[in-house]
Amino acid sequence: MDKWAQRKPVFMRIVLAALPLLGFLVCGAVAMGLLEQWSLIDAAYFTFTTGSTIGYGDLSPTTAGSKLFCMVFIPVSYTHLTL
């Protein structure tokens, strides 16, 4: 049995575990980009730093819709990241 065949099940488990997290962060970035009219890069940066509780504070929500979204997104992302 070659090395790839031995590592493939572990690799697939890692990929399958990371996909929901990646999808969650992408959805959050798209939502923040639309709500705040930010570029996708800025929205992804904000989503990652906020979701991982780093929160530098250089970007912050300004509209009522984005603040409401963050009130839901932050606890859910924190829970999602710790699983």
C-alpha atoms as a PDB file:
ATOM      1  CA  MET A   1       0.000   0.000   0.000  1.00  0.00           C
ATOM      2  CA  ASP A   2       1.469   3.360  -0.973  1.00  0.00           C
ATOM      3  CA  LYS A   3       1.712   6.332   1.369  1.00  0.00           C
ATOM      4  CA  TRP A   4      -1.148   8.285  -0.255  1.00  0.00           C
ATOM      5  CA  ALA A   5      -3.545   5.399   0.217  1.00  0.00           C
ATOM      6  CA  GLN A   6      -2.670   5.340   3.909  1.00  0.00           C
ATOM      7  CA  ARG A   7      -3.059   9.109   4.337  1.00  0.00           C
ATOM      8  CA  LYS A   8      -6.172   9.557   2.200  1.00  0.00           C
ATOM      9  CA  PRO A   9      -8.747   8.716   4.932  1.00  0.00           C
ATOM     10  CA  VAL A  10      -7.143  11.188   7.358  1.00  0.00           C
ATOM     11  CA  PHE A  11      -6.906  13.875   4.668  1.00  0.00           C
ATOM     12  CA  MET A  12     -10.557  13.406   3.716  1.00  0.00           C
ATOM     13  CA  ARG A  13     -11.651  13.692   7.349  1.00  0.00           C
ATOM     14  CA  ILE A  14      -9.727  16.939   7.716  1.00  0.00           C
ATOM     15  CA  VAL A  15     -11.234  18.349   4.518  1.00  0.00           C
ATOM     16  CA  LEU A  16     -14.745  17.295   5.499  1.00  0.00           C
ATOM     17  CA  ALA A  17     -14.306  18.866   8.936  1.00  0.00           C
ATOM     18  CA  ALA A  18     -13.025  22.146   7.460  1.00  0.00           C
ATOM     19  CA  LEU A  19     -15.698  22.580   4.773  1.00  0.00           C
ATOM     20  CA  PRO A  20     -18.555  23.657   7.073  1.00  0.00           C
ATOM     21  CA  LEU A  21     -16.289  26.170   8.807  1.00  0.00           C
ATOM     22  CA  LEU A  22     -15.079  27.565   5.509  1.00  0.00           C
ATOM     23  CA  GLY A  23     -18.641  27.769   4.198  1.00  0.00           C
ATOM     24  CA  PHE A  24     -19.772  29.549   7.342  1.00  0.00           C
ATOM     25  CA  LEU A  25     -16.990  32.135   7.058  1.00  0.00           C
ATOM     26  CA  VAL A  26     -17.660  32.685   3.339  1.00  0.00           C
ATOM     27  CA  CYS A  27     -21.383  33.202   3.997  1.00  0.00           C
ATOM     28  CA  GLY A  28     -20.556  35.674   6.755  1.00  0.00           C
ATOM     29  CA  ALA A  29     -18.161  37.544   4.484  1.00  0.00           C
ATOM     30  CA  VAL A  30     -20.722  37.774   1.686  1.00  0.00           C
ATOM     31  CA  ALA A  31     -23.401  38.979   4.107  1.00  0.00           C
ATOM     32  CA  MET A  32     -21.153  41.636   5.650  1.00  0.00           C
ATOM     33  CA  GLY A  33     -19.957  42.717   2.213  1.00  0.00           C
ATOM     34  CA  LEU A  34     -23.536  43.269   1.103  1.00  0.00           C
ATOM     35  CA  LEU A  35     -24.700  44.894   4.336  1.00  0.00           C
ATOM     36  CA  GLU A  36     -21.747  47.281   4.676  1.00  0.00           C
ATOM     37  CA  GLN A  37     -20.833  47.716   0.990  1.00  0.00           C
ATOM     38  CA  TRP A  38     -17.319  46.439   1.737  1.00  0.00           C
ATOM     39  CA  SER A  39     -15.037  44.650  -0.697  1.00  0.00           C
ATOM     40  CA  LEU A  40     -14.974  40.885  -0.380  1.00  0.00           C
ATOM     41  CA  ILE A  41     -11.443  41.040   1.039  1.00  0.00           C
ATOM     42  CA  ASP A  42     -12.439  43.524   3.758  1.00  0.00           C
ATOM     43  CA  ALA A  43     -15.570  41.542   4.574  1.00  0.00           C
ATOM     44  CA  ALA A  44     -13.626  38.255   4.760  1.00  0.00           C
ATOM     45  CA  TYR A  45     -10.993  39.912   6.967  1.00  0.00           C
ATOM     46  CA  PHE A  46     -13.686  41.308   9.280  1.00  0.00           C
ATOM     47  CA  THR A  47     -15.523  37.980   9.387  1.00  0.00           C
ATOM     48  CA  PHE A  48     -12.401  36.017  10.266  1.00  0.00           C
ATOM     49  CA  THR A  49     -11.103  38.437  12.883  1.00  0.00           C
ATOM     50  CA  THR A  50     -14.522  38.842  14.463  1.00  0.00           C
ATOM     51  CA  GLY A  51     -15.454  35.162  14.287  1.00  0.00           C
ATOM     52  CA  SER A  52     -12.188  34.069  15.818  1.00  0.00           C
ATOM     53  CA  THR A  53     -12.599  36.714  18.557  1.00  0.00           C
ATOM     54  CA  ILE A  54      -9.416  38.552  17.574  1.00  0.00           C
ATOM     55  CA  GLY A  55     -11.352  41.731  16.735  1.00  0.00           C
ATOM     56  CA  TYR A  56      -8.762  44.378  15.914  1.00  0.00           C
ATOM     57  CA  GLY A  57     -11.438  47.068  15.621  1.00  0.00           C
ATOM     58  CA  ASP A  58     -10.209  48.612  12.381  1.00  0.00           C
ATOM     59  CA  LEU A  59     -13.453  47.587  10.666  1.00  0.00           C
ATOM     60  CA  SER A  60     -16.756  47.722  12.495  1.00  0.00           C
ATOM     61  CA  PRO A  61     -20.425  47.469  11.526  1.00  0.00           C
ATOM     62  CA  THR A  62     -22.152  50.797  11.036  1.00  0.00           C
ATOM     63  CA  THR A  63     -25.651  49.967   9.796  1.00  0.00           C
ATOM     64  CA  ALA A  64     -28.437  48.574  11.942  1.00  0.00           C
ATOM     65  CA  GLY A  65     -28.675  45.466   9.744  1.00  0.00           C
ATOM     66  CA  SER A  66     -24.991  44.659  10.003  1.00  0.00           C
ATOM     67  CA  LYS A  67     -25.011  45.208  13.768  1.00  0.00           C
ATOM     68  CA  LEU A  68     -27.932  42.807  14.098  1.00  0.00           C
ATOM     69  CA  PHE A  69     -26.143  40.315  11.863  1.00  0.00           C
ATOM     70  CA  CYS A  70     -23.034  40.535  14.075  1.00  0.00           C
ATOM     71  CA  MET A  71     -25.121  39.999  17.208  1.00  0.00           C
ATOM     72  CA  VAL A  72     -26.113  36.624  15.791  1.00  0.00           C
ATOM     73  CA  PHE A  73     -22.919  35.826  13.878  1.00  0.00           C
ATOM     74  CA  ILE A  74     -20.431  36.291  16.722  1.00  0.00           C
ATOM     75  CA  PRO A  75     -21.904  33.785  19.207  1.00  0.00           C
ATOM     76  CA  VAL A  76     -22.646  31.281  16.464  1.00  0.00           C
ATOM     77  CA  SER A  77     -19.158  31.589  14.969  1.00  0.00           C
ATOM     78  CA  TYR A  78     -17.552  31.262  18.380  1.00  0.00           C
ATOM     79  CA  THR A  79     -19.533  28.095  19.015  1.00  0.00           C
ATOM     80  CA  HIS A  80     -18.798  26.813  15.519  1.00  0.00           C
ATOM     81  CA  LEU A  81     -15.068  27.442  15.817  1.00  0.00           C
ATOM     82  CA  THR A  82     -14.761  25.671  19.152  1.00  0.00           C
ATOM     83  CA  LEU A  83     -16.374  22.475  17.886  1.00  0.00           C
END
